[in-house]
Amino acid sequence: MPKPAHVLVVAHQTACTEGLLDAVHERAERGPATFHLVVPRNPHGMHKVVDPQDVEADEAATVLRTALPKLSDAAGSRVTGAIGDPEPLMAIEDAVNLGHFDELIISTLPRRVSKWLKLDLVSKAKGLGLPVTHVE
């Protein structure tokens, strides 16, 4: 039996959307895989300016708690997760440097409203040398 691929899933507001759940399910159907969700913290108000690293992780923790069971159902196995850096590319880089991932799935809001797409996150993540699936 082939060794499972380790797939890093990165999402915040879209962590429970049908598109992401379908992408995880489709990836699991293609072959053995383990999944790990990273939810970047989302600083608000003055925290963005003063100290984005000192933001309460309550919102991200809620997203994580809500998304993990749904993603686990979609994957057909337990999905792990963590809260990441407020900067999404840094959250991805941290996870890739600390873990051993073979692929990325990045879930964003639609192009017209996505801050991540305005930051060109998907292209920058591809620069890490891993295959990237983008779910909009």
N, C-alpha and C. Protein backbone atom coordinates (compact mmCIF):
# COMPACT_ATOMS: atom_id res chain seq x y z
N MET A 1 0.85 -1.18 0.00
CA MET A 1 0.00 0.00 0.00
C MET A 1 0.89 1.24 0.00
N PRO A 2 0.58 2.23 -0.86
CA PRO A 2 1.41 3.43 -0.92
C PRO A 2 1.32 4.26 0.36
N LYS A 3 2.40 4.95 0.63
CA LYS A 3 2.45 5.83 1.80
C LYS A 3 1.50 7.02 1.57
N PRO A 4 0.72 7.41 2.58
CA PRO A 4 -0.23 8.51 2.37
C PRO A 4 0.47 9.84 2.14
N ALA A 5 -0.11 10.64 1.27
CA ALA A 5 0.35 12.00 1.06
C ALA A 5 -0.10 12.84 2.24
N HIS A 6 0.71 13.80 2.63
CA HIS A 6 0.35 14.72 3.71
C HIS A 6 -0.09 16.04 3.07
N VAL A 7 -1.35 16.37 3.29
CA VAL A 7 -1.96 17.52 2.63
C VAL A 7 -2.24 18.61 3.66
N LEU A 8 -1.69 19.79 3.40
CA LEU A 8 -1.95 20.96 4.24
C LEU A 8 -3.12 21.72 3.65
N VAL A 9 -4.14 21.94 4.46
CA VAL A 9 -5.33 22.69 4.05
C VAL A 9 -5.27 24.02 4.78
N VAL A 10 -5.43 25.12 4.05
CA VAL A 10 -5.38 26.46 4.64
C VAL A 10 -6.69 27.17 4.32
N ALA A 11 -7.39 27.58 5.36
CA ALA A 11 -8.68 28.25 5.19
C ALA A 11 -9.00 29.03 6.45
N HIS A 12 -9.90 29.98 6.32
CA HIS A 12 -10.42 30.68 7.49
C HIS A 12 -11.93 30.77 7.33
N GLN A 13 -12.41 31.81 6.69
CA GLN A 13 -13.85 31.99 6.55
C GLN A 13 -14.50 30.91 5.70
N THR A 14 -13.72 30.23 4.90
CA THR A 14 -14.24 29.22 3.98
C THR A 14 -13.98 27.79 4.45
N ALA A 15 -13.61 27.62 5.71
CA ALA A 15 -13.19 26.30 6.21
C ALA A 15 -14.30 25.26 6.20
N CYS A 16 -15.56 25.69 6.17
CA CYS A 16 -16.67 24.74 6.19
C CYS A 16 -17.51 24.79 4.91
N THR A 17 -16.97 25.41 3.88
CA THR A 17 -17.75 25.56 2.66
C THR A 17 -17.81 24.26 1.87
N GLU A 18 -18.85 24.14 1.08
CA GLU A 18 -19.04 22.94 0.27
C GLU A 18 -17.88 22.74 -0.70
N GLY A 19 -17.36 23.82 -1.25
CA GLY A 19 -16.24 23.71 -2.19
C GLY A 19 -15.02 23.08 -1.55
N LEU A 20 -14.67 23.50 -0.34
CA LEU A 20 -13.51 22.93 0.33
C LEU A 20 -13.77 21.48 0.75
N LEU A 21 -14.95 21.22 1.27
CA LEU A 21 -15.29 19.86 1.67
C LEU A 21 -15.23 18.91 0.46
N ASP A 22 -15.71 19.39 -0.69
CA ASP A 22 -15.65 18.58 -1.91
C ASP A 22 -14.20 18.35 -2.34
N ALA A 23 -13.36 19.38 -2.24
CA ALA A 23 -11.95 19.25 -2.64
C ALA A 23 -11.22 18.24 -1.76
N VAL A 24 -11.49 18.28 -0.47
CA VAL A 24 -10.88 17.32 0.46
C VAL A 24 -11.37 15.91 0.15
N HIS A 25 -12.66 15.77 -0.07
CA HIS A 25 -13.23 14.46 -0.40
C HIS A 25 -12.62 13.93 -1.70
N GLU A 26 -12.53 14.77 -2.72
CA GLU A 26 -11.97 14.34 -4.00
C GLU A 26 -10.50 13.94 -3.84
N ARG A 27 -9.74 14.69 -3.03
CA ARG A 27 -8.33 14.34 -2.83
C ARG A 27 -8.21 13.01 -2.09
N ALA A 28 -9.06 12.79 -1.11
CA ALA A 28 -9.04 11.53 -0.36
C ALA A 28 -9.41 10.36 -1.27
N GLU A 29 -10.30 10.58 -2.22
CA GLU A 29 -10.70 9.52 -3.15
C GLU A 29 -9.58 9.15 -4.11
N ARG A 30 -8.68 10.08 -4.42
CA ARG A 30 -7.60 9.82 -5.37
C ARG A 30 -6.53 8.89 -4.82
N GLY A 31 -6.41 8.81 -3.51
CA GLY A 31 -5.40 7.95 -2.91
C GLY A 31 -5.19 8.28 -1.46
N PRO A 32 -4.41 7.45 -0.77
CA PRO A 32 -4.20 7.64 0.66
C PRO A 32 -3.65 9.04 0.97
N ALA A 33 -4.26 9.68 1.96
CA ALA A 33 -3.82 11.02 2.34
C ALA A 33 -4.21 11.31 3.78
N THR A 34 -3.37 12.11 4.43
CA THR A 34 -3.71 12.68 5.72
C THR A 34 -3.86 14.18 5.51
N PHE A 35 -4.71 14.80 6.30
CA PHE A 35 -5.00 16.23 6.13
C PHE A 35 -4.78 16.97 7.44
N HIS A 36 -4.23 18.18 7.32
CA HIS A 36 -4.01 19.06 8.47
C HIS A 36 -4.50 20.45 8.08
N LEU A 37 -5.43 20.99 8.84
CA LEU A 37 -5.99 22.32 8.58
C LEU A 37 -5.25 23.36 9.39
N VAL A 38 -4.82 24.43 8.72
CA VAL A 38 -4.28 25.60 9.41
C VAL A 38 -5.24 26.75 9.18
N VAL A 39 -5.66 27.38 10.27
CA VAL A 39 -6.54 28.55 10.23
C VAL A 39 -5.73 29.75 10.70
N PRO A 40 -5.34 30.65 9.79
CA PRO A 40 -4.62 31.84 10.24
C PRO A 40 -5.50 32.69 11.16
N ARG A 41 -4.88 33.20 12.23
CA ARG A 41 -5.61 34.13 13.10
C ARG A 41 -6.01 35.33 12.27
N ASN A 42 -7.08 35.98 12.66
CA ASN A 42 -7.60 37.10 11.89
C ASN A 42 -7.64 38.33 12.79
N PRO A 43 -6.57 39.15 12.79
CA PRO A 43 -6.55 40.33 13.66
C PRO A 43 -7.59 41.36 13.23
N HIS A 44 -8.18 42.03 14.19
CA HIS A 44 -9.19 43.05 13.94
C HIS A 44 -8.75 44.38 14.54
N GLY A 45 -9.30 45.44 14.00
CA GLY A 45 -9.13 46.77 14.57
C GLY A 45 -7.67 47.17 14.75
N MET A 46 -7.38 47.79 15.91
CA MET A 46 -6.04 48.30 16.19
C MET A 46 -5.02 47.18 16.33
N HIS A 47 -5.46 45.95 16.58
CA HIS A 47 -4.50 44.85 16.70
C HIS A 47 -3.73 44.66 15.40
N LYS A 48 -4.36 44.99 14.26
CA LYS A 48 -3.67 44.85 12.98
C LYS A 48 -2.44 45.75 12.95
N VAL A 49 -2.55 46.91 13.60
CA VAL A 49 -1.47 47.89 13.57
C VAL A 49 -0.54 47.70 14.77
N VAL A 50 -1.10 47.57 15.95
CA VAL A 50 -0.31 47.55 17.18
C VAL A 50 0.49 46.27 17.31
N ASP A 51 -0.17 45.13 17.33
CA ASP A 51 0.54 43.87 17.49
C ASP A 51 -0.29 42.71 16.98
N PRO A 52 -0.20 42.42 15.67
CA PRO A 52 -1.02 41.34 15.13
C PRO A 52 -0.67 39.97 15.71
N GLN A 53 0.49 39.83 16.32
CA GLN A 53 0.87 38.55 16.93
C GLN A 53 0.18 38.33 18.27
N ASP A 54 -0.35 39.40 18.86
CA ASP A 54 -0.94 39.34 20.19
C ASP A 54 -2.47 39.25 20.13
N VAL A 55 -3.00 38.79 19.03
CA VAL A 55 -4.44 38.73 18.85
C VAL A 55 -5.00 37.47 19.52
N GLU A 56 -6.12 37.63 20.18
CA GLU A 56 -6.81 36.47 20.73
C GLU A 56 -7.17 35.53 19.59
N ALA A 57 -7.00 34.28 19.80
CA ALA A 57 -7.24 33.29 18.74
C ALA A 57 -8.66 32.72 18.82
N ASP A 58 -9.57 33.39 19.54
CA ASP A 58 -10.92 32.86 19.74
C ASP A 58 -11.64 32.58 18.43
N GLU A 59 -11.61 33.53 17.50
CA GLU A 59 -12.32 33.34 16.24
C GLU A 59 -11.73 32.17 15.46
N ALA A 60 -10.42 32.12 15.36
CA ALA A 60 -9.76 31.03 14.65
C ALA A 60 -10.04 29.69 15.34
N ALA A 61 -10.06 29.69 16.66
CA ALA A 61 -10.34 28.45 17.40
C ALA A 61 -11.76 27.97 17.14
N THR A 62 -12.69 28.89 17.04
CA THR A 62 -14.07 28.53 16.72
C THR A 62 -14.16 27.93 15.32
N VAL A 63 -13.48 28.56 14.37
CA VAL A 63 -13.45 28.03 13.00
C VAL A 63 -12.87 26.62 13.01
N LEU A 64 -11.77 26.44 13.73
CA LEU A 64 -11.11 25.14 13.80
C LEU A 64 -12.04 24.08 14.39
N ARG A 65 -12.67 24.39 15.52
CA ARG A 65 -13.58 23.44 16.18
C ARG A 65 -14.75 23.06 15.27
N THR A 66 -15.25 24.02 14.52
CA THR A 66 -16.39 23.78 13.65
C THR A 66 -15.99 23.00 12.41
N ALA A 67 -14.83 23.33 11.85
CA ALA A 67 -14.42 22.75 10.57
C ALA A 67 -13.86 21.33 10.68
N LEU A 68 -13.13 21.03 11.75
CA LEU A 68 -12.46 19.73 11.82
C LEU A 68 -13.39 18.53 11.68
N PRO A 69 -14.53 18.49 12.37
CA PRO A 69 -15.42 17.32 12.18
C PRO A 69 -15.96 17.22 10.76
N LYS A 70 -16.27 18.35 10.14
CA LYS A 70 -16.80 18.33 8.78
C LYS A 70 -15.74 17.89 7.78
N LEU A 71 -14.52 18.40 7.96
CA LEU A 71 -13.43 17.99 7.07
C LEU A 71 -13.09 16.52 7.28
N SER A 72 -13.16 16.07 8.52
CA SER A 72 -12.89 14.65 8.81
C SER A 72 -13.91 13.76 8.10
N ASP A 73 -15.16 14.16 8.12
CA ASP A 73 -16.20 13.40 7.40
C ASP A 73 -15.89 13.38 5.90
N ALA A 74 -15.51 14.53 5.36
CA ALA A 74 -15.20 14.62 3.93
C ALA A 74 -13.99 13.77 3.57
N ALA A 75 -12.99 13.73 4.45
CA ALA A 75 -11.76 12.99 4.19
C ALA A 75 -11.91 11.50 4.44
N GLY A 76 -12.89 11.15 5.25
CA GLY A 76 -13.05 9.75 5.62
C GLY A 76 -12.06 9.30 6.68
N SER A 77 -11.37 10.25 7.29
CA SER A 77 -10.43 9.97 8.37
C SER A 77 -10.24 11.26 9.18
N ARG A 78 -9.61 11.12 10.33
CA ARG A 78 -9.43 12.27 11.24
C ARG A 78 -8.53 13.32 10.61
N VAL A 79 -9.02 14.56 10.59
CA VAL A 79 -8.23 15.70 10.14
C VAL A 79 -7.75 16.45 11.38
N THR A 80 -6.46 16.76 11.41
CA THR A 80 -5.90 17.53 12.52
C THR A 80 -5.90 19.00 12.14
N GLY A 81 -5.60 19.86 13.12
CA GLY A 81 -5.61 21.28 12.80
C GLY A 81 -4.85 22.10 13.81
N ALA A 82 -4.58 23.34 13.41
CA ALA A 82 -3.88 24.29 14.26
C ALA A 82 -4.23 25.71 13.83
N ILE A 83 -3.99 26.62 14.75
CA ILE A 83 -4.16 28.04 14.47
C ILE A 83 -2.80 28.57 14.01
N GLY A 84 -2.82 29.35 12.93
CA GLY A 84 -1.57 29.84 12.36
C GLY A 84 -1.38 31.33 12.50
N ASP A 85 -0.27 31.78 12.00
CA ASP A 85 0.10 33.19 11.97
C ASP A 85 -1.00 34.01 11.28
N PRO A 86 -1.22 35.25 11.69
CA PRO A 86 -2.23 36.08 11.03
C PRO A 86 -1.95 36.30 9.53
N GLU A 87 -0.68 36.33 9.16
CA GLU A 87 -0.29 36.48 7.76
C GLU A 87 -0.41 35.10 7.10
N PRO A 88 -1.32 34.91 6.15
CA PRO A 88 -1.57 33.56 5.62
C PRO A 88 -0.34 32.89 4.99
N LEU A 89 0.49 33.64 4.28
CA LEU A 89 1.67 33.01 3.70
C LEU A 89 2.63 32.55 4.79
N MET A 90 2.77 33.34 5.84
CA MET A 90 3.62 32.95 6.96
C MET A 90 3.05 31.71 7.66
N ALA A 91 1.72 31.64 7.78
CA ALA A 91 1.09 30.46 8.38
C ALA A 91 1.40 29.21 7.56
N ILE A 92 1.36 29.35 6.23
CA ILE A 92 1.68 28.23 5.35
C ILE A 92 3.15 27.86 5.50
N GLU A 93 4.03 28.85 5.45
CA GLU A 93 5.47 28.57 5.56
C GLU A 93 5.81 27.92 6.89
N ASP A 94 5.21 28.41 7.97
CA ASP A 94 5.45 27.81 9.28
C ASP A 94 5.05 26.34 9.28
N ALA A 95 3.85 26.06 8.77
CA ALA A 95 3.36 24.68 8.76
C ALA A 95 4.25 23.79 7.90
N VAL A 96 4.64 24.28 6.73
CA VAL A 96 5.48 23.49 5.83
C VAL A 96 6.85 23.24 6.46
N ASN A 97 7.39 24.25 7.13
CA ASN A 97 8.71 24.09 7.77
C ASN A 97 8.67 23.17 8.98
N LEU A 98 7.54 23.14 9.68
CA LEU A 98 7.42 22.29 10.87
C LEU A 98 6.94 20.88 10.56
N GLY A 99 6.22 20.74 9.47
CA GLY A 99 5.66 19.44 9.10
C GLY A 99 6.28 18.94 7.82
N HIS A 100 5.79 17.84 7.37
CA HIS A 100 6.27 17.23 6.13
C HIS A 100 5.07 17.10 5.20
N PHE A 101 4.79 18.17 4.46
CA PHE A 101 3.62 18.17 3.60
C PHE A 101 4.02 17.97 2.15
N ASP A 102 3.15 17.28 1.42
CA ASP A 102 3.38 16.98 0.02
C ASP A 102 2.53 17.84 -0.91
N GLU A 103 1.43 18.38 -0.38
CA GLU A 103 0.48 19.14 -1.19
C GLU A 103 -0.18 20.21 -0.33
N LEU A 104 -0.74 21.22 -1.01
CA LEU A 104 -1.50 22.28 -0.35
C LEU A 104 -2.88 22.39 -0.98
N ILE A 105 -3.86 22.63 -0.15
CA ILE A 105 -5.19 23.05 -0.61
C ILE A 105 -5.45 24.38 0.07
N ILE A 106 -5.65 25.42 -0.72
CA ILE A 106 -5.92 26.76 -0.18
C ILE A 106 -7.34 27.14 -0.57
N SER A 107 -8.13 27.48 0.42
CA SER A 107 -9.52 27.88 0.20
C SER A 107 -9.67 29.37 0.47
N THR A 108 -10.21 30.08 -0.51
CA THR A 108 -10.37 31.53 -0.37
C THR A 108 -11.82 31.94 -0.65
N LEU A 109 -12.11 33.15 -0.26
CA LEU A 109 -13.37 33.77 -0.66
C LEU A 109 -13.31 34.04 -2.16
N PRO A 110 -14.43 34.41 -2.78
CA PRO A 110 -14.41 34.74 -4.20
C PRO A 110 -13.46 35.90 -4.51
N ARG A 111 -12.96 35.90 -5.72
CA ARG A 111 -11.95 36.87 -6.15
C ARG A 111 -12.31 38.33 -5.81
N ARG A 112 -13.56 38.70 -5.98
CA ARG A 112 -13.94 40.11 -5.79
C ARG A 112 -13.82 40.58 -4.33
N VAL A 113 -13.81 39.64 -3.37
CA VAL A 113 -13.75 40.03 -1.96
C VAL A 113 -12.58 39.43 -1.19
N SER A 114 -11.80 38.59 -1.82
CA SER A 114 -10.74 37.86 -1.11
C SER A 114 -9.49 38.70 -0.91
N LYS A 115 -9.14 38.93 0.35
CA LYS A 115 -7.88 39.61 0.67
C LYS A 115 -6.70 38.71 0.29
N TRP A 116 -6.87 37.41 0.49
CA TRP A 116 -5.78 36.48 0.19
C TRP A 116 -5.44 36.49 -1.29
N LEU A 117 -6.45 36.58 -2.16
CA LEU A 117 -6.17 36.62 -3.59
C LEU A 117 -5.57 37.96 -3.99
N LYS A 118 -5.98 39.02 -3.33
CA LYS A 118 -5.37 40.33 -3.60
C LYS A 118 -3.90 40.34 -3.21
N LEU A 119 -3.54 39.51 -2.22
CA LEU A 119 -2.13 39.37 -1.81
C LEU A 119 -1.38 38.37 -2.68
N ASP A 120 -2.07 37.77 -3.66
CA ASP A 120 -1.49 36.77 -4.56
C ASP A 120 -0.99 35.55 -3.79
N LEU A 121 -1.75 35.15 -2.77
CA LEU A 121 -1.35 34.06 -1.89
C LEU A 121 -1.13 32.74 -2.64
N VAL A 122 -2.00 32.41 -3.56
CA VAL A 122 -1.89 31.12 -4.24
C VAL A 122 -0.59 31.04 -5.03
N SER A 123 -0.27 32.08 -5.79
CA SER A 123 0.99 32.08 -6.56
C SER A 123 2.20 32.03 -5.65
N LYS A 124 2.15 32.78 -4.57
CA LYS A 124 3.28 32.79 -3.62
C LYS A 124 3.44 31.43 -2.97
N ALA A 125 2.33 30.77 -2.64
CA ALA A 125 2.40 29.44 -2.03
C ALA A 125 2.98 28.43 -3.01
N LYS A 126 2.69 28.58 -4.29
CA LYS A 126 3.26 27.69 -5.30
C LYS A 126 4.78 27.80 -5.32
N GLY A 127 5.30 28.96 -4.93
CA GLY A 127 6.74 29.16 -4.86
C GLY A 127 7.44 28.27 -3.85
N LEU A 128 6.68 27.62 -2.98
CA LEU A 128 7.26 26.70 -2.01
C LEU A 128 7.61 25.36 -2.64
N GLY A 129 7.16 25.16 -3.88
CA GLY A 129 7.53 23.93 -4.60
C GLY A 129 6.58 22.77 -4.41
N LEU A 130 5.46 22.99 -3.76
CA LEU A 130 4.48 21.93 -3.56
C LEU A 130 3.29 22.14 -4.50
N PRO A 131 2.64 21.07 -4.94
CA PRO A 131 1.43 21.23 -5.73
C PRO A 131 0.36 21.95 -4.91
N VAL A 132 -0.32 22.90 -5.53
CA VAL A 132 -1.33 23.70 -4.83
C VAL A 132 -2.67 23.56 -5.56
N THR A 133 -3.69 23.23 -4.80
CA THR A 133 -5.06 23.25 -5.30
C THR A 133 -5.73 24.46 -4.68
N HIS A 134 -6.33 25.31 -5.53
CA HIS A 134 -7.03 26.50 -5.03
C HIS A 134 -8.52 26.27 -5.15
N VAL A 135 -9.23 26.47 -4.05
CA VAL A 135 -10.68 26.38 -4.01
C VAL A 135 -11.20 27.78 -3.72
N GLU A 136 -12.01 28.29 -4.66
CA GLU A 136 -12.53 29.66 -4.49
C GLU A 136 -13.99 29.58 -4.08
